[in-house]
Amino acid sequence: MPHDDVRIQPSADVDDRASIGAGTSVWHLAQVREDAVVGRDCIIGRGAYVGSGVRIGDRCKLQNLALVYEPAVLEDGVFVGPGVVFTNDHFPRSVDPSGALKRADDWHPVGVTVREGASVGARAVCVAPVTVGRWAMVAAGAVVTRDVPDFALVAGVPARRVKWVGKSGEPLERAVDDRWRDPVTGETYVELDDRLVEEKDEEHA
């Protein structure tokens, strides 16, 4: 059930079996299906869809017309831009080989996972099963067909890493050797074997 301290527009369709955290807003024509869990202080934009059993953390934003199909998992602080699609079927068909309409029991859904702080730009498509790493960024219109590393900026069709980004969202600046620096926060990172780790984490690894 929705928490007492939520804002749900009359035109939104929120199933009574969904859990909506305090401080969350569900805007016009959005749909939140049964057994979905939406955390605290989230924004579910106009016409967005949250599938049955989807898990969304705290302080997430789903912009207008984002389609989050089950069994997707979004961790805290995730941004999902307008018109984004998270798929859930390896081999989509309307009918089986005999021509009969496929039912829910005829396929096994697979989900997209988006880690803490990551952002997925407008009209991007994430083809399940993929994981978008912590604080990563998917450019608008990208098609993600493989996992995105932490702090990576990916773009294109299929999406490929083009830069590293920090928690601020700004592209990182190269410092010395394999070190990178966030121009906004001043945090530093180390590049190791095509992945990026925060320097403080690397020191304790």
N, C-alpha and C. Protein backbone atom coordinates (compact mmCIF):
# COMPACT_ATOMS: atom_id res chain seq x y z
N MET A 1 0.83 -1.20 0.00
CA MET A 1 0.00 0.00 0.00
C MET A 1 0.87 1.26 0.00
N PRO A 2 0.37 2.33 -0.63
CA PRO A 2 1.12 3.58 -0.57
C PRO A 2 1.23 4.10 0.85
N HIS A 3 2.36 4.71 1.17
CA HIS A 3 2.57 5.36 2.45
C HIS A 3 1.65 6.56 2.55
N ASP A 4 1.36 7.01 3.78
CA ASP A 4 0.45 8.15 3.96
C ASP A 4 0.99 9.42 3.31
N ASP A 5 2.30 9.63 3.37
CA ASP A 5 2.90 10.88 2.91
C ASP A 5 3.36 10.74 1.46
N VAL A 6 2.40 10.53 0.55
CA VAL A 6 2.71 10.44 -0.88
C VAL A 6 1.73 11.31 -1.65
N ARG A 7 2.13 11.65 -2.89
CA ARG A 7 1.26 12.41 -3.77
C ARG A 7 0.98 11.54 -4.99
N ILE A 8 -0.27 11.14 -5.17
CA ILE A 8 -0.67 10.33 -6.32
C ILE A 8 -1.78 11.07 -7.05
N GLN A 9 -1.53 11.44 -8.29
CA GLN A 9 -2.53 12.15 -9.06
C GLN A 9 -3.73 11.24 -9.34
N PRO A 10 -4.92 11.82 -9.41
CA PRO A 10 -6.13 11.00 -9.62
C PRO A 10 -6.09 10.15 -10.89
N SER A 11 -5.41 10.62 -11.92
CA SER A 11 -5.38 9.86 -13.17
C SER A 11 -4.34 8.74 -13.16
N ALA A 12 -3.49 8.69 -12.14
CA ALA A 12 -2.49 7.62 -12.05
C ALA A 12 -3.17 6.32 -11.62
N ASP A 13 -2.58 5.20 -12.01
CA ASP A 13 -3.11 3.88 -11.68
C ASP A 13 -2.07 3.16 -10.82
N VAL A 14 -2.27 3.20 -9.51
CA VAL A 14 -1.35 2.57 -8.56
C VAL A 14 -2.08 1.41 -7.90
N ASP A 15 -1.60 0.20 -8.13
CA ASP A 15 -2.24 -0.98 -7.57
C ASP A 15 -2.15 -0.96 -6.04
N ASP A 16 -3.20 -1.41 -5.40
CA ASP A 16 -3.22 -1.44 -3.93
C ASP A 16 -2.12 -2.33 -3.34
N ARG A 17 -1.61 -3.27 -4.15
CA ARG A 17 -0.57 -4.17 -3.66
C ARG A 17 0.84 -3.61 -3.87
N ALA A 18 0.94 -2.44 -4.48
CA ALA A 18 2.24 -1.78 -4.64
C ALA A 18 2.62 -1.07 -3.34
N SER A 19 3.91 -0.92 -3.12
CA SER A 19 4.42 -0.20 -1.95
C SER A 19 5.08 1.09 -2.42
N ILE A 20 4.59 2.22 -1.92
CA ILE A 20 5.09 3.53 -2.32
C ILE A 20 5.62 4.24 -1.07
N GLY A 21 6.90 4.63 -1.12
CA GLY A 21 7.54 5.22 0.06
C GLY A 21 7.13 6.66 0.32
N ALA A 22 7.38 7.11 1.53
CA ALA A 22 7.05 8.47 1.95
C ALA A 22 7.75 9.49 1.08
N GLY A 23 7.02 10.58 0.78
CA GLY A 23 7.60 11.66 0.01
C GLY A 23 7.63 11.45 -1.49
N THR A 24 7.10 10.34 -1.97
CA THR A 24 7.12 10.03 -3.40
C THR A 24 5.91 10.63 -4.10
N SER A 25 6.12 11.09 -5.35
CA SER A 25 5.05 11.62 -6.18
C SER A 25 4.86 10.74 -7.40
N VAL A 26 3.59 10.41 -7.70
CA VAL A 26 3.24 9.64 -8.89
C VAL A 26 2.33 10.53 -9.73
N TRP A 27 2.81 10.90 -10.92
CA TRP A 27 2.12 11.92 -11.68
C TRP A 27 1.10 11.33 -12.66
N HIS A 28 0.47 12.24 -13.42
CA HIS A 28 -0.67 11.91 -14.27
C HIS A 28 -0.40 10.72 -15.19
N LEU A 29 -1.37 9.82 -15.24
CA LEU A 29 -1.39 8.69 -16.18
C LEU A 29 -0.27 7.68 -15.97
N ALA A 30 0.50 7.81 -14.91
CA ALA A 30 1.51 6.80 -14.61
C ALA A 30 0.82 5.53 -14.10
N GLN A 31 1.49 4.39 -14.28
CA GLN A 31 0.96 3.13 -13.78
C GLN A 31 2.03 2.42 -12.96
N VAL A 32 1.66 2.02 -11.75
CA VAL A 32 2.54 1.24 -10.88
C VAL A 32 1.81 -0.06 -10.58
N ARG A 33 2.38 -1.18 -11.03
CA ARG A 33 1.71 -2.46 -10.98
C ARG A 33 1.82 -3.12 -9.61
N GLU A 34 1.11 -4.25 -9.49
CA GLU A 34 1.07 -5.02 -8.26
C GLU A 34 2.47 -5.47 -7.83
N ASP A 35 2.70 -5.42 -6.54
CA ASP A 35 3.93 -5.90 -5.90
C ASP A 35 5.17 -5.09 -6.26
N ALA A 36 5.01 -4.00 -6.99
CA ALA A 36 6.15 -3.10 -7.21
C ALA A 36 6.48 -2.40 -5.89
N VAL A 37 7.76 -2.10 -5.71
CA VAL A 37 8.21 -1.38 -4.52
C VAL A 37 8.93 -0.12 -4.98
N VAL A 38 8.41 1.03 -4.59
CA VAL A 38 9.02 2.32 -4.92
C VAL A 38 9.44 2.96 -3.61
N GLY A 39 10.69 3.41 -3.54
CA GLY A 39 11.24 3.92 -2.29
C GLY A 39 10.77 5.32 -1.93
N ARG A 40 11.49 5.94 -1.02
CA ARG A 40 11.15 7.27 -0.50
C ARG A 40 11.62 8.36 -1.45
N ASP A 41 10.86 9.46 -1.46
CA ASP A 41 11.27 10.69 -2.15
C ASP A 41 11.57 10.47 -3.63
N CYS A 42 10.78 9.63 -4.28
CA CYS A 42 10.93 9.37 -5.71
C CYS A 42 9.94 10.22 -6.52
N ILE A 43 10.22 10.35 -7.80
CA ILE A 43 9.30 10.99 -8.74
C ILE A 43 9.02 10.02 -9.87
N ILE A 44 7.74 9.67 -10.04
CA ILE A 44 7.31 8.82 -11.14
C ILE A 44 6.55 9.72 -12.11
N GLY A 45 7.15 10.00 -13.27
CA GLY A 45 6.64 11.03 -14.17
C GLY A 45 5.38 10.63 -14.92
N ARG A 46 4.86 11.60 -15.64
CA ARG A 46 3.62 11.43 -16.39
C ARG A 46 3.76 10.28 -17.39
N GLY A 47 2.81 9.34 -17.33
CA GLY A 47 2.77 8.25 -18.29
C GLY A 47 3.84 7.19 -18.10
N ALA A 48 4.59 7.25 -17.01
CA ALA A 48 5.61 6.23 -16.76
C ALA A 48 4.94 4.92 -16.37
N TYR A 49 5.66 3.82 -16.62
CA TYR A 49 5.14 2.49 -16.29
C TYR A 49 6.16 1.77 -15.43
N VAL A 50 5.67 1.23 -14.30
CA VAL A 50 6.50 0.44 -13.38
C VAL A 50 5.85 -0.94 -13.29
N GLY A 51 6.55 -1.96 -13.79
CA GLY A 51 5.98 -3.29 -13.89
C GLY A 51 5.82 -3.99 -12.56
N SER A 52 5.09 -5.09 -12.59
CA SER A 52 4.83 -5.85 -11.36
C SER A 52 6.13 -6.39 -10.79
N GLY A 53 6.32 -6.17 -9.50
CA GLY A 53 7.50 -6.68 -8.82
C GLY A 53 8.77 -5.89 -9.03
N VAL A 54 8.73 -4.81 -9.79
CA VAL A 54 9.91 -3.95 -9.97
C VAL A 54 10.31 -3.37 -8.62
N ARG A 55 11.64 -3.23 -8.40
CA ARG A 55 12.17 -2.66 -7.16
C ARG A 55 12.89 -1.35 -7.49
N ILE A 56 12.44 -0.28 -6.87
CA ILE A 56 13.03 1.05 -7.08
C ILE A 56 13.45 1.60 -5.72
N GLY A 57 14.68 2.06 -5.61
CA GLY A 57 15.21 2.57 -4.35
C GLY A 57 14.73 3.97 -4.02
N ASP A 58 15.41 4.61 -3.09
CA ASP A 58 15.06 5.96 -2.64
C ASP A 58 15.63 7.02 -3.59
N ARG A 59 14.93 8.15 -3.67
CA ARG A 59 15.39 9.34 -4.39
C ARG A 59 15.68 9.06 -5.87
N CYS A 60 14.83 8.26 -6.48
CA CYS A 60 14.94 7.98 -7.91
C CYS A 60 13.97 8.86 -8.69
N LYS A 61 14.33 9.13 -9.94
CA LYS A 61 13.46 9.90 -10.83
C LYS A 61 13.20 9.10 -12.10
N LEU A 62 11.93 8.83 -12.38
CA LEU A 62 11.50 8.26 -13.66
C LEU A 62 10.78 9.38 -14.40
N GLN A 63 11.37 9.82 -15.50
CA GLN A 63 10.77 10.91 -16.24
C GLN A 63 9.59 10.41 -17.09
N ASN A 64 8.93 11.35 -17.75
CA ASN A 64 7.70 11.05 -18.48
C ASN A 64 7.90 9.90 -19.48
N LEU A 65 6.95 8.98 -19.48
CA LEU A 65 6.86 7.88 -20.45
C LEU A 65 7.99 6.87 -20.35
N ALA A 66 8.72 6.86 -19.25
CA ALA A 66 9.71 5.80 -19.05
C ALA A 66 8.99 4.47 -18.80
N LEU A 67 9.51 3.40 -19.39
CA LEU A 67 8.88 2.08 -19.29
C LEU A 67 9.84 1.13 -18.61
N VAL A 68 9.53 0.77 -17.38
CA VAL A 68 10.41 -0.07 -16.56
C VAL A 68 9.70 -1.40 -16.35
N TYR A 69 10.06 -2.38 -17.19
CA TYR A 69 9.39 -3.68 -17.14
C TYR A 69 10.06 -4.60 -16.13
N GLU A 70 9.23 -5.42 -15.50
CA GLU A 70 9.69 -6.38 -14.52
C GLU A 70 10.62 -7.41 -15.15
N PRO A 71 11.60 -7.91 -14.42
CA PRO A 71 11.89 -7.68 -12.99
C PRO A 71 13.04 -6.70 -12.76
N ALA A 72 12.95 -5.51 -13.31
CA ALA A 72 14.02 -4.52 -13.18
C ALA A 72 14.25 -4.14 -11.72
N VAL A 73 15.50 -3.77 -11.42
CA VAL A 73 15.89 -3.28 -10.10
C VAL A 73 16.65 -1.98 -10.28
N LEU A 74 16.19 -0.92 -9.62
CA LEU A 74 16.86 0.37 -9.63
C LEU A 74 17.30 0.68 -8.20
N GLU A 75 18.58 0.90 -8.00
CA GLU A 75 19.09 1.23 -6.67
C GLU A 75 18.86 2.70 -6.37
N ASP A 76 19.32 3.17 -5.22
CA ASP A 76 19.07 4.54 -4.78
C ASP A 76 19.67 5.55 -5.76
N GLY A 77 18.95 6.67 -5.93
CA GLY A 77 19.49 7.79 -6.67
C GLY A 77 19.59 7.62 -8.16
N VAL A 78 18.81 6.73 -8.74
CA VAL A 78 18.87 6.47 -10.18
C VAL A 78 17.99 7.47 -10.93
N PHE A 79 18.48 7.93 -12.08
CA PHE A 79 17.72 8.81 -12.97
C PHE A 79 17.41 8.05 -14.26
N VAL A 80 16.13 8.06 -14.64
CA VAL A 80 15.68 7.41 -15.88
C VAL A 80 14.98 8.48 -16.72
N GLY A 81 15.56 8.80 -17.87
CA GLY A 81 15.06 9.91 -18.67
C GLY A 81 13.77 9.63 -19.41
N PRO A 82 13.23 10.66 -20.08
CA PRO A 82 11.96 10.51 -20.80
C PRO A 82 12.05 9.45 -21.89
N GLY A 83 11.03 8.60 -21.95
CA GLY A 83 10.93 7.63 -23.02
C GLY A 83 11.92 6.49 -22.97
N VAL A 84 12.63 6.31 -21.86
CA VAL A 84 13.55 5.18 -21.73
C VAL A 84 12.76 3.88 -21.67
N VAL A 85 13.35 2.81 -22.23
CA VAL A 85 12.72 1.48 -22.17
C VAL A 85 13.71 0.48 -21.60
N PHE A 86 13.27 -0.24 -20.56
CA PHE A 86 14.01 -1.38 -20.03
C PHE A 86 13.26 -2.64 -20.48
N THR A 87 13.86 -3.45 -21.35
CA THR A 87 13.18 -4.63 -21.86
C THR A 87 13.24 -5.77 -20.84
N ASN A 88 12.53 -6.86 -21.14
CA ASN A 88 12.54 -8.00 -20.20
C ASN A 88 12.38 -9.36 -20.88
N ASP A 89 12.67 -9.44 -22.18
CA ASP A 89 12.45 -10.71 -22.88
C ASP A 89 13.62 -10.98 -23.82
N HIS A 90 14.28 -12.13 -23.64
CA HIS A 90 15.37 -12.52 -24.54
C HIS A 90 14.90 -12.69 -25.98
N PHE A 91 13.79 -13.40 -26.15
CA PHE A 91 13.32 -13.80 -27.48
C PHE A 91 11.84 -13.44 -27.62
N PRO A 92 11.54 -12.16 -27.85
CA PRO A 92 10.14 -11.74 -27.86
C PRO A 92 9.36 -12.27 -29.05
N ARG A 93 8.24 -12.88 -28.76
CA ARG A 93 7.27 -13.31 -29.78
C ARG A 93 5.87 -13.10 -29.22
N SER A 94 4.94 -12.77 -30.10
CA SER A 94 3.54 -12.68 -29.70
C SER A 94 2.89 -14.06 -29.62
N VAL A 95 3.36 -14.98 -30.50
CA VAL A 95 2.77 -16.32 -30.58
C VAL A 95 3.87 -17.36 -30.46
N ASP A 96 3.46 -18.59 -30.10
CA ASP A 96 4.42 -19.70 -30.07
C ASP A 96 4.51 -20.33 -31.47
N PRO A 97 5.39 -21.32 -31.67
CA PRO A 97 5.55 -21.90 -33.01
C PRO A 97 4.28 -22.46 -33.62
N SER A 98 3.30 -22.81 -32.78
CA SER A 98 2.04 -23.34 -33.32
C SER A 98 1.10 -22.23 -33.76
N GLY A 99 1.45 -20.98 -33.43
CA GLY A 99 0.59 -19.86 -33.76
C GLY A 99 -0.33 -19.43 -32.63
N ALA A 100 -0.27 -20.13 -31.50
CA ALA A 100 -1.11 -19.77 -30.36
C ALA A 100 -0.53 -18.55 -29.64
N LEU A 101 -1.41 -17.72 -29.13
CA LEU A 101 -0.97 -16.54 -28.38
C LEU A 101 -0.18 -16.96 -27.14
N LYS A 102 1.00 -16.37 -26.98
CA LYS A 102 1.81 -16.71 -25.81
C LYS A 102 1.20 -16.10 -24.54
N ARG A 103 1.32 -16.85 -23.45
CA ARG A 103 0.85 -16.40 -22.14
C ARG A 103 2.03 -16.18 -21.21
N ALA A 104 1.74 -15.67 -20.03
CA ALA A 104 2.80 -15.35 -19.07
C ALA A 104 3.67 -16.56 -18.75
N ASP A 105 3.07 -17.74 -18.69
CA ASP A 105 3.84 -18.95 -18.34
C ASP A 105 4.72 -19.45 -19.49
N ASP A 106 4.61 -18.84 -20.67
CA ASP A 106 5.35 -19.32 -21.84
C ASP A 106 6.74 -18.70 -21.97
N TRP A 107 7.10 -17.81 -21.05
CA TRP A 107 8.41 -17.18 -21.14
C TRP A 107 8.89 -16.79 -19.75
N HIS A 108 10.19 -16.56 -19.63
CA HIS A 108 10.80 -16.23 -18.35
C HIS A 108 11.42 -14.83 -18.45
N PRO A 109 10.82 -13.85 -17.77
CA PRO A 109 11.33 -12.48 -17.88
C PRO A 109 12.73 -12.33 -17.30
N VAL A 110 13.52 -11.49 -17.93
CA VAL A 110 14.86 -11.14 -17.45
C VAL A 110 14.90 -9.63 -17.27
N GLY A 111 15.65 -9.17 -16.28
CA GLY A 111 15.56 -7.77 -15.91
C GLY A 111 16.82 -6.96 -16.15
N VAL A 112 16.64 -5.64 -16.15
CA VAL A 112 17.72 -4.67 -16.17
C VAL A 112 17.98 -4.23 -14.73
N THR A 113 19.27 -4.13 -14.37
CA THR A 113 19.66 -3.63 -13.05
C THR A 113 20.42 -2.32 -13.24
N VAL A 114 20.03 -1.30 -12.48
CA VAL A 114 20.71 -0.01 -12.54
C VAL A 114 21.22 0.30 -11.14
N ARG A 115 22.54 0.43 -11.03
CA ARG A 115 23.17 0.60 -9.73
C ARG A 115 23.10 2.05 -9.24
N GLU A 116 23.47 2.24 -8.00
CA GLU A 116 23.36 3.52 -7.29
C GLU A 116 23.87 4.70 -8.11
N GLY A 117 23.05 5.76 -8.19
CA GLY A 117 23.46 7.02 -8.76
C GLY A 117 23.56 7.08 -10.26
N ALA A 118 23.29 5.98 -10.97
CA ALA A 118 23.45 5.97 -12.42
C ALA A 118 22.32 6.73 -13.11
N SER A 119 22.60 7.17 -14.35
CA SER A 119 21.62 7.91 -15.14
C SER A 119 21.48 7.28 -16.51
N VAL A 120 20.23 7.21 -16.99
CA VAL A 120 19.94 6.67 -18.32
C VAL A 120 19.21 7.77 -19.09
N GLY A 121 19.82 8.24 -20.18
CA GLY A 121 19.32 9.39 -20.91
C GLY A 121 18.07 9.11 -21.73
N ALA A 122 17.46 10.19 -22.19
CA ALA A 122 16.18 10.13 -22.91
C ALA A 122 16.24 9.20 -24.09
N ARG A 123 15.18 8.39 -24.23
CA ARG A 123 14.98 7.48 -25.36
C ARG A 123 16.01 6.36 -25.45
N ALA A 124 16.82 6.18 -24.43
CA ALA A 124 17.75 5.04 -24.43
C ALA A 124 16.96 3.76 -24.23
N VAL A 125 17.54 2.66 -24.73
CA VAL A 125 16.96 1.33 -24.55
C VAL A 125 18.01 0.44 -23.90
N CYS A 126 17.64 -0.19 -22.80
CA CYS A 126 18.51 -1.17 -22.15
C CYS A 126 17.92 -2.55 -22.39
N VAL A 127 18.68 -3.39 -23.09
CA VAL A 127 18.19 -4.70 -23.50
C VAL A 127 18.60 -5.72 -22.44
N ALA A 128 17.63 -6.23 -21.72
CA ALA A 128 17.89 -7.16 -20.63
C ALA A 128 18.46 -8.47 -21.13
N PRO A 129 19.31 -9.14 -20.30
CA PRO A 129 19.71 -8.69 -18.97
C PRO A 129 21.03 -7.92 -19.02
N VAL A 130 21.01 -6.67 -18.63
CA VAL A 130 22.23 -5.88 -18.51
C VAL A 130 22.22 -5.17 -17.17
N THR A 131 23.43 -4.79 -16.73
CA THR A 131 23.59 -4.00 -15.51
C THR A 131 24.28 -2.70 -15.86
N VAL A 132 23.71 -1.59 -15.43
CA VAL A 132 24.33 -0.27 -15.57
C VAL A 132 24.99 0.03 -14.23
N GLY A 133 26.30 0.23 -14.25
CA GLY A 133 27.08 0.33 -13.02
C GLY A 133 26.85 1.61 -12.22
N ARG A 134 27.44 1.64 -11.04
CA ARG A 134 27.32 2.79 -10.12
C ARG A 134 27.79 4.07 -10.80
N TRP A 135 26.95 5.11 -10.70
CA TRP A 135 27.28 6.45 -11.16
C TRP A 135 27.64 6.50 -12.66
N ALA A 136 27.27 5.47 -13.39
CA ALA A 136 27.47 5.47 -14.84
C ALA A 136 26.44 6.38 -15.50
N MET A 137 26.66 6.65 -16.78
CA MET A 137 25.72 7.48 -17.53
C MET A 137 25.54 6.89 -18.93
N VAL A 138 24.28 6.70 -19.30
CA VAL A 138 23.92 6.22 -20.63
C VAL A 138 23.41 7.41 -21.43
N ALA A 139 24.04 7.69 -22.56
CA ALA A 139 23.66 8.85 -23.35
C ALA A 139 22.28 8.68 -23.96
N ALA A 140 21.65 9.80 -24.27
CA ALA A 140 20.34 9.79 -24.91
C ALA A 140 20.40 9.00 -26.22
N GLY A 141 19.40 8.15 -26.43
CA GLY A 141 19.27 7.40 -27.66
C GLY A 141 20.17 6.18 -27.77
N ALA A 142 20.96 5.89 -26.75
CA ALA A 142 21.85 4.73 -26.80
C ALA A 142 21.06 3.44 -26.67
N VAL A 143 21.64 2.36 -27.20
CA VAL A 143 21.07 1.03 -27.04
C VAL A 143 22.10 0.18 -26.29
N VAL A 144 21.77 -0.16 -25.05
CA VAL A 144 22.71 -0.86 -24.18
C VAL A 144 22.47 -2.36 -24.30
N THR A 145 23.47 -3.08 -24.80
CA THR A 145 23.35 -4.52 -25.00
C THR A 145 24.32 -5.32 -24.15
N ARG A 146 25.19 -4.62 -23.41
CA ARG A 146 26.10 -5.31 -22.50
C ARG A 146 26.32 -4.44 -21.27
N ASP A 147 26.84 -5.03 -20.22
CA ASP A 147 26.98 -4.33 -18.95
C ASP A 147 27.81 -3.06 -19.10
N VAL A 148 27.42 -2.04 -18.33
CA VAL A 148 28.11 -0.75 -18.32
C VAL A 148 28.93 -0.65 -17.04
N PRO A 149 30.24 -0.41 -17.13
CA PRO A 149 31.06 -0.32 -15.91
C PRO A 149 30.69 0.88 -15.04
N ASP A 150 31.04 0.80 -13.77
CA ASP A 150 30.89 1.95 -12.88
C ASP A 150 31.57 3.18 -13.49
N PHE A 151 30.93 4.34 -13.37
CA PHE A 151 31.50 5.64 -13.77
C PHE A 151 31.72 5.77 -15.28
N ALA A 152 31.20 4.86 -16.09
CA ALA A 152 31.39 4.95 -17.54
C ALA A 152 30.28 5.80 -18.16
N LEU A 153 30.66 6.59 -19.18
CA LEU A 153 29.69 7.24 -20.06
C LEU A 153 29.67 6.43 -21.35
N VAL A 154 28.50 5.87 -21.67
CA VAL A 154 28.37 5.08 -22.89
C VAL A 154 27.41 5.77 -23.84
N ALA A 155 27.67 5.60 -25.14
CA ALA A 155 26.83 6.24 -26.16
C ALA A 155 26.83 5.37 -27.41
N GLY A 156 25.79 5.55 -28.24
CA GLY A 156 25.78 4.90 -29.54
C GLY A 156 24.94 3.64 -29.60
N VAL A 157 24.94 3.02 -30.78
CA VAL A 157 24.18 1.81 -31.05
C VAL A 157 25.10 0.80 -31.73
N PRO A 158 25.53 -0.25 -31.03
CA PRO A 158 25.30 -0.48 -29.60
C PRO A 158 26.16 0.45 -28.76
N ALA A 159 25.78 0.63 -27.51
CA ALA A 159 26.47 1.58 -26.65
C ALA A 159 27.89 1.12 -26.33
N ARG A 160 28.82 2.08 -26.39
CA ARG A 160 30.22 1.82 -26.03
C ARG A 160 30.73 2.96 -25.16
N ARG A 161 31.72 2.64 -24.34
CA ARG A 161 32.25 3.68 -23.46
C ARG A 161 33.00 4.73 -24.27
N VAL A 162 32.67 6.01 -24.01
CA VAL A 162 33.35 7.11 -24.68
C VAL A 162 34.12 7.99 -23.70
N LYS A 163 33.74 7.97 -22.42
CA LYS A 163 34.42 8.75 -21.40
C LYS A 163 34.18 8.11 -20.05
N TRP A 164 34.87 8.67 -19.05
CA TRP A 164 34.57 8.39 -17.65
C TRP A 164 33.87 9.60 -17.06
N VAL A 165 32.93 9.38 -16.14
CA VAL A 165 32.25 10.48 -15.46
C VAL A 165 32.32 10.27 -13.95
N GLY A 166 32.23 11.38 -13.22
CA GLY A 166 32.24 11.30 -11.76
C GLY A 166 30.83 11.37 -11.20
N LYS A 167 30.75 11.44 -9.88
CA LYS A 167 29.44 11.50 -9.23
C LYS A 167 28.68 12.77 -9.59
N SER A 168 29.41 13.81 -10.00
CA SER A 168 28.75 15.05 -10.40
C SER A 168 28.06 14.92 -11.75
N GLY A 169 28.43 13.89 -12.52
CA GLY A 169 27.93 13.73 -13.88
C GLY A 169 28.84 14.35 -14.93
N GLU A 170 29.79 15.17 -14.49
CA GLU A 170 30.73 15.80 -15.42
C GLU A 170 31.79 14.80 -15.88
N PRO A 171 32.25 14.93 -17.14
CA PRO A 171 33.36 14.08 -17.58
C PRO A 171 34.59 14.30 -16.71
N LEU A 172 35.30 13.22 -16.43
CA LEU A 172 36.50 13.32 -15.61
C LEU A 172 37.66 13.87 -16.43
N GLU A 173 38.57 14.54 -15.74
CA GLU A 173 39.78 15.07 -16.35
C GLU A 173 40.96 14.19 -15.97
N ARG A 174 41.82 13.91 -16.95
CA ARG A 174 43.00 13.10 -16.63
C ARG A 174 43.95 13.90 -15.75
N ALA A 175 44.42 13.24 -14.70
CA ALA A 175 45.38 13.86 -13.79
C ALA A 175 46.78 13.38 -14.17
N VAL A 176 47.31 12.42 -13.44
CA VAL A 176 48.62 11.85 -13.77
C VAL A 176 48.49 10.34 -13.86
N ASP A 177 49.32 9.75 -14.71
CA ASP A 177 49.31 8.30 -14.89
C ASP A 177 47.90 7.82 -15.18
N ASP A 178 47.40 6.89 -14.37
CA ASP A 178 46.06 6.35 -14.58
C ASP A 178 45.04 6.99 -13.64
N ARG A 179 45.33 8.19 -13.17
CA ARG A 179 44.43 8.90 -12.26
C ARG A 179 43.52 9.84 -13.04
N TRP A 180 42.30 9.96 -12.54
CA TRP A 180 41.31 10.86 -13.11
C TRP A 180 40.71 11.70 -11.99
N ARG A 181 40.24 12.90 -12.34
CA ARG A 181 39.72 13.84 -11.33
C ARG A 181 38.38 14.39 -11.76
N ASP A 182 37.44 14.45 -10.80
CA ASP A 182 36.14 15.07 -11.03
C ASP A 182 36.32 16.58 -10.90
N PRO A 183 36.05 17.36 -11.98
CA PRO A 183 36.29 18.81 -11.92
C PRO A 183 35.36 19.55 -10.97
N VAL A 184 34.27 18.93 -10.58
CA VAL A 184 33.31 19.58 -9.69
C VAL A 184 33.60 19.24 -8.23
N THR A 185 33.76 17.97 -7.92
CA THR A 185 33.92 17.55 -6.52
C THR A 185 35.38 17.44 -6.09
N GLY A 186 36.29 17.35 -7.07
CA GLY A 186 37.69 17.15 -6.74
C GLY A 186 38.05 15.72 -6.39
N GLU A 187 37.07 14.82 -6.40
CA GLU A 187 37.35 13.41 -6.10
C GLU A 187 38.23 12.81 -7.19
N THR A 188 39.08 11.89 -6.78
CA THR A 188 40.00 11.26 -7.73
C THR A 188 39.70 9.78 -7.87
N TYR A 189 40.06 9.25 -9.05
CA TYR A 189 39.76 7.88 -9.41
C TYR A 189 40.99 7.26 -10.05
N VAL A 190 41.03 5.94 -10.03
CA VAL A 190 42.12 5.19 -10.62
C VAL A 190 41.55 4.24 -11.67
N GLU A 191 42.15 4.22 -12.86
CA GLU A 191 41.73 3.31 -13.92
C GLU A 191 42.54 2.03 -13.85
N LEU A 192 41.84 0.91 -13.71
CA LEU A 192 42.48 -0.39 -13.58
C LEU A 192 41.80 -1.38 -14.51
N ASP A 193 42.52 -1.82 -15.55
CA ASP A 193 41.98 -2.85 -16.43
C ASP A 193 40.59 -2.51 -16.96
N ASP A 194 40.47 -1.33 -17.57
CA ASP A 194 39.21 -0.89 -18.19
C ASP A 194 38.07 -0.71 -17.20
N ARG A 195 38.40 -0.49 -15.96
CA ARG A 195 37.38 -0.12 -14.97
C ARG A 195 37.93 1.02 -14.13
N LEU A 196 37.03 1.74 -13.48
CA LEU A 196 37.41 2.89 -12.69
C LEU A 196 36.96 2.68 -11.25
N VAL A 197 37.86 2.97 -10.31
CA VAL A 197 37.52 2.88 -8.90
C VAL A 197 37.90 4.19 -8.22
N GLU A 198 37.15 4.54 -7.18
CA GLU A 198 37.51 5.72 -6.41
C GLU A 198 38.85 5.48 -5.74
N GLU A 199 39.71 6.49 -5.75
CA GLU A 199 41.07 6.30 -5.25
C GLU A 199 41.08 5.87 -3.80
N LYS A 200 40.15 6.36 -3.01
CA LYS A 200 40.10 5.95 -1.60
C LYS A 200 39.78 4.46 -1.46
N ASP A 201 38.96 3.94 -2.43
CA ASP A 201 38.65 2.50 -2.41
C ASP A 201 39.86 1.69 -2.84
N GLU A 202 40.59 2.20 -3.84
CA GLU A 202 41.75 1.50 -4.35
C GLU A 202 42.83 1.39 -3.28
N GLU A 203 42.95 2.42 -2.43
CA GLU A 203 43.96 2.41 -1.39
C GLU A 203 43.70 1.32 -0.35
N HIS A 204 42.42 0.97 -0.19
CA HIS A 204 42.06 -0.03 0.83
C HIS A 204 41.79 -1.39 0.22
N ALA A 205 42.03 -1.54 -1.10
CA ALA A 205 41.73 -2.82 -1.76
C ALA A 205 42.75 -3.88 -1.36
